[in-house]
């Protein structure tokens, strides 16, 4: 019985370890690289490298997200396409709400730290990102 109580306590505490707080939202600003995608059936697809990076820009809880392509020189190629975003909180849970033309969708923020971002969409697909670190080639 003691082992069961201890296991329950450990699982409860570890489940609370990644609660997103209002002050964590500052970490969303910047460049994020997809690391892996977990499907609802548990299948995971890892991304070793990607040619595009997601750039989030926030002022308060409003901003935009756009896809950019980093170059070896440290610059980024981008289009003028940007998806408007807003951050909302419902019962202590934060959501990224996307809006473009005739399309709107939301993702719940599961984890947001300086170097890690994890979101889940309405189809229960989990996206895990890591902070993008530019490749710096010295001449």
N, C-alpha and C. Protein backbone atom coordinates (compact mmCIF):
# COMPACT_ATOMS: atom_id res chain seq x y z
N UNK A 1 0.83 -1.19 0.00
CA UNK A 1 0.00 0.00 0.00
C UNK A 1 0.88 1.26 0.00
N UNK A 2 1.95 1.23 0.80
CA UNK A 2 2.85 2.39 0.85
C UNK A 2 3.49 2.65 -0.51
N UNK A 3 3.84 1.56 -1.21
CA UNK A 3 4.45 1.72 -2.53
C UNK A 3 3.47 2.36 -3.51
N UNK A 4 2.20 1.98 -3.42
CA UNK A 4 1.19 2.55 -4.29
C UNK A 4 1.00 4.03 -4.01
N UNK A 5 0.97 4.41 -2.73
CA UNK A 5 0.84 5.82 -2.37
C UNK A 5 2.04 6.62 -2.84
N UNK A 6 3.22 6.05 -2.66
CA UNK A 6 4.44 6.73 -3.09
C UNK A 6 4.46 6.91 -4.61
N UNK A 7 4.08 5.87 -5.34
CA UNK A 7 4.02 5.95 -6.79
C UNK A 7 3.02 7.01 -7.25
N UNK A 8 1.86 7.04 -6.62
CA UNK A 8 0.84 8.04 -6.94
C UNK A 8 1.36 9.45 -6.69
N UNK A 9 2.05 9.65 -5.57
CA UNK A 9 2.61 10.96 -5.24
C UNK A 9 3.67 11.37 -6.27
N UNK A 10 4.53 10.46 -6.64
CA UNK A 10 5.58 10.77 -7.62
C UNK A 10 4.97 11.13 -8.97
N UNK A 11 3.99 10.36 -9.42
CA UNK A 11 3.35 10.65 -10.70
C UNK A 11 2.62 11.98 -10.67
N UNK A 12 1.98 12.29 -9.56
CA UNK A 12 1.27 13.56 -9.44
C UNK A 12 2.25 14.73 -9.49
N UNK A 13 3.34 14.63 -8.76
CA UNK A 13 4.32 15.72 -8.74
C UNK A 13 5.02 15.87 -10.08
N UNK A 14 5.35 14.76 -10.72
CA UNK A 14 6.04 14.87 -12.01
C UNK A 14 5.11 15.39 -13.09
N UNK A 15 3.84 15.13 -12.99
CA UNK A 15 2.87 15.64 -13.96
C UNK A 15 2.70 17.13 -13.86
N UNK A 16 2.98 17.70 -12.71
CA UNK A 16 2.82 19.14 -12.51
C UNK A 16 4.09 19.91 -12.83
N UNK A 17 5.14 19.21 -13.19
CA UNK A 17 6.42 19.86 -13.36
C UNK A 17 6.52 20.82 -14.53
N UNK A 18 5.62 20.73 -15.49
CA UNK A 18 5.74 21.56 -16.68
C UNK A 18 4.57 22.52 -16.83
N UNK A 19 3.89 22.84 -15.74
CA UNK A 19 2.78 23.79 -15.84
C UNK A 19 3.29 25.11 -16.41
N UNK A 20 2.58 25.63 -17.38
CA UNK A 20 2.96 26.90 -18.00
C UNK A 20 2.38 28.03 -17.17
N UNK A 21 3.22 28.99 -16.86
CA UNK A 21 2.80 30.16 -16.09
C UNK A 21 2.83 31.40 -16.98
N UNK A 22 2.12 32.41 -16.57
CA UNK A 22 2.04 33.64 -17.35
C UNK A 22 3.43 34.20 -17.68
N UNK A 23 4.32 34.15 -16.71
CA UNK A 23 5.67 34.70 -16.93
C UNK A 23 6.48 33.87 -17.93
N UNK A 24 6.07 32.63 -18.19
CA UNK A 24 6.77 31.79 -19.17
C UNK A 24 6.50 32.22 -20.62
N UNK A 25 5.43 32.98 -20.83
CA UNK A 25 5.05 33.37 -22.20
C UNK A 25 6.14 34.17 -22.90
N UNK A 26 7.01 34.82 -22.14
CA UNK A 26 8.12 35.57 -22.73
C UNK A 26 9.03 34.66 -23.58
N UNK A 27 9.08 33.38 -23.22
CA UNK A 27 9.95 32.44 -23.94
C UNK A 27 9.46 32.13 -25.35
N UNK A 28 8.18 32.36 -25.62
CA UNK A 28 7.64 32.03 -26.94
C UNK A 28 8.27 32.87 -28.05
N UNK A 29 8.60 34.11 -27.74
CA UNK A 29 9.20 35.02 -28.71
C UNK A 29 10.50 34.45 -29.25
N UNK A 30 10.62 34.38 -30.57
CA UNK A 30 11.88 33.93 -31.15
C UNK A 30 11.72 32.79 -32.13
N UNK A 31 12.83 32.11 -32.39
CA UNK A 31 12.92 31.08 -33.42
C UNK A 31 12.83 29.68 -32.79
N UNK A 32 11.97 28.84 -33.38
CA UNK A 32 11.76 27.48 -32.88
C UNK A 32 11.88 26.47 -34.02
N UNK A 33 12.58 25.38 -33.74
CA UNK A 33 12.80 24.31 -34.72
C UNK A 33 12.04 23.07 -34.27
N UNK A 34 11.29 22.46 -35.18
CA UNK A 34 10.53 21.25 -34.83
C UNK A 34 11.52 20.13 -34.50
N UNK A 35 11.28 19.44 -33.40
CA UNK A 35 12.13 18.32 -32.99
C UNK A 35 11.43 16.99 -33.24
N UNK A 36 10.14 16.92 -32.88
CA UNK A 36 9.38 15.70 -33.13
C UNK A 36 7.89 15.96 -33.07
N UNK A 37 7.15 15.04 -33.67
CA UNK A 37 5.70 15.09 -33.67
C UNK A 37 5.20 13.74 -33.17
N UNK A 38 4.28 13.79 -32.19
CA UNK A 38 3.70 12.56 -31.66
C UNK A 38 2.23 12.49 -32.06
N UNK A 39 1.89 11.42 -32.76
CA UNK A 39 0.53 11.21 -33.23
C UNK A 39 -0.34 10.66 -32.09
N UNK A 40 -1.66 10.76 -32.22
CA UNK A 40 -2.55 10.28 -31.16
C UNK A 40 -2.36 8.79 -30.83
N UNK A 41 -1.90 7.99 -31.79
CA UNK A 41 -1.69 6.56 -31.53
C UNK A 41 -0.34 6.29 -30.86
N UNK A 42 0.42 7.35 -30.55
CA UNK A 42 1.70 7.20 -29.87
C UNK A 42 2.89 7.14 -30.81
N UNK A 43 2.66 7.04 -32.10
CA UNK A 43 3.75 7.01 -33.07
C UNK A 43 4.46 8.36 -33.06
N UNK A 44 5.79 8.32 -33.02
CA UNK A 44 6.60 9.54 -32.95
C UNK A 44 7.47 9.65 -34.20
N UNK A 45 7.46 10.84 -34.79
CA UNK A 45 8.35 11.12 -35.92
C UNK A 45 9.35 12.18 -35.48
N UNK A 46 10.63 11.82 -35.55
CA UNK A 46 11.69 12.75 -35.17
C UNK A 46 12.17 13.52 -36.39
N UNK A 47 12.54 14.76 -36.16
CA UNK A 47 13.09 15.61 -37.22
C UNK A 47 14.52 15.95 -36.85
N UNK A 48 15.46 15.39 -37.59
CA UNK A 48 16.88 15.64 -37.33
C UNK A 48 17.29 17.03 -37.80
N UNK A 49 16.75 17.44 -38.92
CA UNK A 49 17.06 18.77 -39.46
C UNK A 49 15.87 19.24 -40.28
N UNK A 50 15.69 20.54 -40.32
CA UNK A 50 14.59 21.11 -41.07
C UNK A 50 15.09 22.34 -41.82
N UNK A 51 14.53 22.57 -43.00
CA UNK A 51 14.95 23.73 -43.78
C UNK A 51 14.19 24.99 -43.37
N UNK A 52 13.12 24.83 -42.59
CA UNK A 52 12.36 25.99 -42.13
C UNK A 52 12.28 26.00 -40.61
N UNK A 53 12.11 27.18 -40.08
CA UNK A 53 12.02 27.42 -38.64
C UNK A 53 10.80 28.30 -38.41
N UNK A 54 10.10 28.07 -37.31
CA UNK A 54 8.97 28.93 -36.95
C UNK A 54 9.47 30.12 -36.15
N UNK A 55 9.07 31.31 -36.57
CA UNK A 55 9.42 32.53 -35.84
C UNK A 55 8.16 33.09 -35.21
N UNK A 56 8.18 33.25 -33.88
CA UNK A 56 7.07 33.85 -33.15
C UNK A 56 7.48 35.25 -32.70
N UNK A 57 6.61 36.20 -32.93
CA UNK A 57 6.82 37.57 -32.46
C UNK A 57 5.60 37.96 -31.63
N UNK A 58 5.83 38.34 -30.38
CA UNK A 58 4.74 38.70 -29.47
C UNK A 58 4.98 40.07 -28.86
N UNK A 59 3.90 40.83 -28.75
CA UNK A 59 3.87 42.05 -27.95
C UNK A 59 2.69 41.87 -27.02
N UNK A 60 2.99 41.64 -25.76
CA UNK A 60 1.92 41.28 -24.83
C UNK A 60 1.46 39.88 -25.17
N UNK A 61 0.18 39.76 -25.51
CA UNK A 61 -0.36 38.45 -25.88
C UNK A 61 -0.87 38.42 -27.32
N UNK A 62 -0.39 39.34 -28.13
CA UNK A 62 -0.76 39.41 -29.55
C UNK A 62 0.52 39.39 -30.38
N UNK A 63 0.42 38.85 -31.58
CA UNK A 63 1.59 38.84 -32.45
C UNK A 63 1.35 38.04 -33.70
N UNK A 64 2.42 37.41 -34.18
CA UNK A 64 2.33 36.61 -35.39
C UNK A 64 3.35 35.48 -35.37
N UNK A 65 3.10 34.50 -36.24
CA UNK A 65 4.05 33.40 -36.47
C UNK A 65 4.29 33.32 -37.97
N UNK A 66 5.54 33.12 -38.34
CA UNK A 66 5.84 32.92 -39.76
C UNK A 66 6.95 31.91 -39.89
N UNK A 67 6.98 31.30 -41.07
CA UNK A 67 8.03 30.34 -41.41
C UNK A 67 9.20 31.10 -42.03
N UNK A 68 10.39 30.78 -41.59
CA UNK A 68 11.59 31.40 -42.14
C UNK A 68 12.60 30.30 -42.49
N UNK A 69 13.49 30.63 -43.41
CA UNK A 69 14.54 29.70 -43.81
C UNK A 69 15.89 30.29 -43.43
N UNK A 70 16.56 29.68 -42.46
CA UNK A 70 17.88 30.19 -42.08
C UNK A 70 18.93 29.86 -43.14
N UNK A 71 19.90 30.73 -43.26
CA UNK A 71 21.02 30.48 -44.17
C UNK A 71 22.29 30.30 -43.36
N UNK A 72 23.31 29.80 -43.99
CA UNK A 72 24.58 29.58 -43.31
C UNK A 72 25.26 30.88 -42.91
N UNK A 73 24.86 31.98 -43.53
CA UNK A 73 25.47 33.28 -43.21
C UNK A 73 24.84 33.92 -41.97
N UNK A 74 23.80 33.27 -41.42
CA UNK A 74 23.17 33.82 -40.22
C UNK A 74 21.95 34.67 -40.51
N UNK A 75 21.59 34.83 -41.79
CA UNK A 75 20.40 35.60 -42.14
C UNK A 75 19.23 34.65 -42.38
N UNK A 76 18.04 35.22 -42.56
CA UNK A 76 16.84 34.42 -42.76
C UNK A 76 16.12 34.88 -44.02
N UNK A 77 15.62 33.91 -44.79
CA UNK A 77 14.76 34.20 -45.92
C UNK A 77 13.33 33.98 -45.46
N UNK A 78 12.46 34.92 -45.79
CA UNK A 78 11.08 34.80 -45.34
C UNK A 78 10.14 35.32 -46.41
N UNK A 79 8.89 34.95 -46.28
CA UNK A 79 7.87 35.50 -47.16
C UNK A 79 7.08 36.54 -46.36
N UNK A 80 6.14 37.17 -47.02
CA UNK A 80 5.31 38.15 -46.32
C UNK A 80 4.14 37.48 -45.60
N UNK A 81 4.02 36.17 -45.73
CA UNK A 81 2.92 35.46 -45.08
C UNK A 81 3.19 35.33 -43.59
N UNK A 82 2.29 35.84 -42.80
CA UNK A 82 2.37 35.72 -41.35
C UNK A 82 0.99 35.38 -40.83
N UNK A 83 0.94 34.48 -39.87
CA UNK A 83 -0.32 34.09 -39.26
C UNK A 83 -0.46 34.87 -37.96
N UNK A 84 -1.57 35.58 -37.81
CA UNK A 84 -1.81 36.33 -36.58
C UNK A 84 -2.04 35.34 -35.44
N UNK A 85 -1.48 35.66 -34.28
CA UNK A 85 -1.69 34.81 -33.11
C UNK A 85 -2.10 35.66 -31.92
N UNK A 86 -2.80 35.02 -31.01
CA UNK A 86 -3.10 35.62 -29.71
C UNK A 86 -2.99 34.51 -28.68
N UNK A 87 -2.60 34.88 -27.49
CA UNK A 87 -2.48 33.93 -26.39
C UNK A 87 -3.66 34.16 -25.45
N UNK A 88 -4.37 33.10 -25.14
CA UNK A 88 -5.47 33.19 -24.18
C UNK A 88 -5.24 32.18 -23.06
N UNK A 89 -5.87 32.46 -21.94
CA UNK A 89 -5.79 31.58 -20.78
C UNK A 89 -7.20 31.18 -20.38
N UNK A 90 -7.41 29.88 -20.23
CA UNK A 90 -8.69 29.36 -19.76
C UNK A 90 -8.42 28.37 -18.64
N UNK A 91 -8.89 28.71 -17.45
CA UNK A 91 -8.74 27.84 -16.28
C UNK A 91 -7.28 27.44 -16.05
N UNK A 92 -6.38 28.39 -16.18
CA UNK A 92 -4.97 28.15 -15.91
C UNK A 92 -4.21 27.47 -17.04
N UNK A 93 -4.86 27.28 -18.19
CA UNK A 93 -4.23 26.64 -19.34
C UNK A 93 -4.09 27.69 -20.45
N UNK A 94 -2.91 27.76 -21.07
CA UNK A 94 -2.66 28.75 -22.12
C UNK A 94 -2.81 28.13 -23.50
N UNK A 95 -3.37 28.92 -24.41
CA UNK A 95 -3.59 28.50 -25.79
C UNK A 95 -2.99 29.52 -26.75
N UNK A 96 -2.43 29.02 -27.85
CA UNK A 96 -2.04 29.87 -28.96
C UNK A 96 -3.18 29.78 -29.97
N UNK A 97 -3.80 30.90 -30.25
CA UNK A 97 -4.90 30.97 -31.20
C UNK A 97 -4.38 31.58 -32.50
N UNK A 98 -4.56 30.86 -33.60
CA UNK A 98 -4.07 31.28 -34.90
C UNK A 98 -5.23 31.78 -35.75
N UNK A 99 -4.97 32.81 -36.55
CA UNK A 99 -6.02 33.34 -37.42
C UNK A 99 -5.40 33.84 -38.72
N UNK A 100 -5.89 33.28 -39.82
CA UNK A 100 -5.47 33.73 -41.15
C UNK A 100 -6.65 33.59 -42.11
N UNK A 101 -6.81 34.52 -42.98
CA UNK A 101 -7.88 34.53 -44.00
C UNK A 101 -9.16 33.88 -43.47
N UNK A 102 -9.47 32.70 -43.97
CA UNK A 102 -10.71 32.01 -43.58
C UNK A 102 -10.45 30.84 -42.64
N UNK A 103 -9.35 30.85 -41.94
CA UNK A 103 -8.98 29.70 -41.12
C UNK A 103 -8.59 30.14 -39.71
N UNK A 104 -9.12 29.45 -38.71
CA UNK A 104 -8.75 29.69 -37.31
C UNK A 104 -8.55 28.35 -36.63
N UNK A 105 -7.55 28.28 -35.76
CA UNK A 105 -7.32 27.07 -34.98
C UNK A 105 -6.55 27.43 -33.72
N UNK A 106 -6.50 26.49 -32.78
CA UNK A 106 -5.81 26.72 -31.51
C UNK A 106 -4.93 25.53 -31.17
N UNK A 107 -3.89 25.82 -30.40
CA UNK A 107 -3.03 24.78 -29.84
C UNK A 107 -2.86 25.08 -28.36
N UNK A 108 -2.99 24.05 -27.55
CA UNK A 108 -2.78 24.21 -26.11
C UNK A 108 -1.28 24.09 -25.83
N UNK A 109 -0.76 25.00 -25.03
CA UNK A 109 0.66 24.97 -24.68
C UNK A 109 0.83 23.99 -23.52
N UNK A 110 1.54 22.91 -23.77
CA UNK A 110 1.80 21.91 -22.74
C UNK A 110 3.05 22.24 -21.95
N UNK A 111 4.04 22.79 -22.64
CA UNK A 111 5.34 23.08 -22.01
C UNK A 111 5.94 24.29 -22.71
N UNK A 112 6.46 25.21 -21.92
CA UNK A 112 7.13 26.38 -22.49
C UNK A 112 8.24 26.80 -21.55
N UNK A 113 9.46 26.55 -22.00
CA UNK A 113 10.65 26.93 -21.25
C UNK A 113 11.60 27.65 -22.20
N UNK A 114 12.70 28.12 -21.70
CA UNK A 114 13.63 28.89 -22.53
C UNK A 114 14.06 28.13 -23.78
N UNK A 115 14.20 26.81 -23.69
CA UNK A 115 14.68 26.05 -24.84
C UNK A 115 13.72 24.96 -25.32
N UNK A 116 12.53 24.86 -24.73
CA UNK A 116 11.57 23.82 -25.11
C UNK A 116 10.17 24.37 -25.24
N UNK A 117 9.48 23.94 -26.29
CA UNK A 117 8.08 24.30 -26.53
C UNK A 117 7.35 23.04 -26.94
N UNK A 118 6.20 22.80 -26.31
CA UNK A 118 5.39 21.64 -26.65
C UNK A 118 3.94 22.08 -26.70
N UNK A 119 3.27 21.79 -27.83
CA UNK A 119 1.86 22.16 -28.00
C UNK A 119 1.08 20.95 -28.50
N UNK A 120 -0.24 20.98 -28.27
CA UNK A 120 -1.12 19.92 -28.75
C UNK A 120 -2.30 20.56 -29.45
N UNK A 121 -2.68 20.01 -30.61
CA UNK A 121 -3.79 20.59 -31.36
C UNK A 121 -5.09 19.84 -31.08
N UNK A 122 -6.16 20.24 -31.75
CA UNK A 122 -7.48 19.62 -31.54
C UNK A 122 -7.52 18.16 -31.96
N UNK A 123 -6.63 17.75 -32.85
CA UNK A 123 -6.58 16.35 -33.29
C UNK A 123 -5.70 15.50 -32.37
N UNK A 124 -5.23 16.10 -31.26
CA UNK A 124 -4.39 15.43 -30.27
C UNK A 124 -3.00 15.08 -30.81
N UNK A 125 -2.53 15.85 -31.78
CA UNK A 125 -1.17 15.71 -32.28
C UNK A 125 -0.29 16.64 -31.45
N UNK A 126 0.79 16.11 -30.90
CA UNK A 126 1.70 16.89 -30.07
C UNK A 126 2.92 17.28 -30.90
N UNK A 127 3.24 18.57 -30.88
CA UNK A 127 4.41 19.10 -31.57
C UNK A 127 5.43 19.53 -30.53
N UNK A 128 6.65 19.01 -30.65
CA UNK A 128 7.72 19.37 -29.73
C UNK A 128 8.79 20.15 -30.50
N UNK A 129 9.09 21.32 -29.98
CA UNK A 129 10.06 22.21 -30.61
C UNK A 129 11.24 22.42 -29.67
N UNK A 130 12.37 22.75 -30.25
CA UNK A 130 13.52 23.20 -29.47
C UNK A 130 13.90 24.58 -29.98
N UNK A 131 14.49 25.37 -29.12
CA UNK A 131 14.93 26.71 -29.51
C UNK A 131 15.94 26.55 -30.64
N UNK A 132 15.75 27.31 -31.69
CA UNK A 132 16.65 27.23 -32.84
C UNK A 132 17.98 27.89 -32.51
N UNK A 133 19.04 27.17 -32.77
CA UNK A 133 20.40 27.69 -32.60
C UNK A 133 21.02 27.79 -33.99
N UNK A 134 21.30 29.00 -34.46
CA UNK A 134 21.87 29.15 -35.81
C UNK A 134 23.22 28.45 -35.94
N UNK A 135 23.45 27.93 -37.12
CA UNK A 135 24.75 27.34 -37.43
C UNK A 135 25.68 28.50 -37.77
N UNK A 136 26.78 28.56 -37.09
CA UNK A 136 27.70 29.67 -37.29
C UNK A 136 28.99 29.12 -37.89
N UNK A 137 29.19 29.35 -39.16
CA UNK A 137 30.39 28.88 -39.84
C UNK A 137 31.39 30.03 -39.90
N UNK A 138 32.54 29.81 -39.29
CA UNK A 138 33.60 30.82 -39.27
C UNK A 138 34.33 30.82 -40.61
N UNK A 139 34.65 32.01 -41.10
CA UNK A 139 35.39 32.13 -42.36
C UNK A 139 36.87 32.09 -42.10
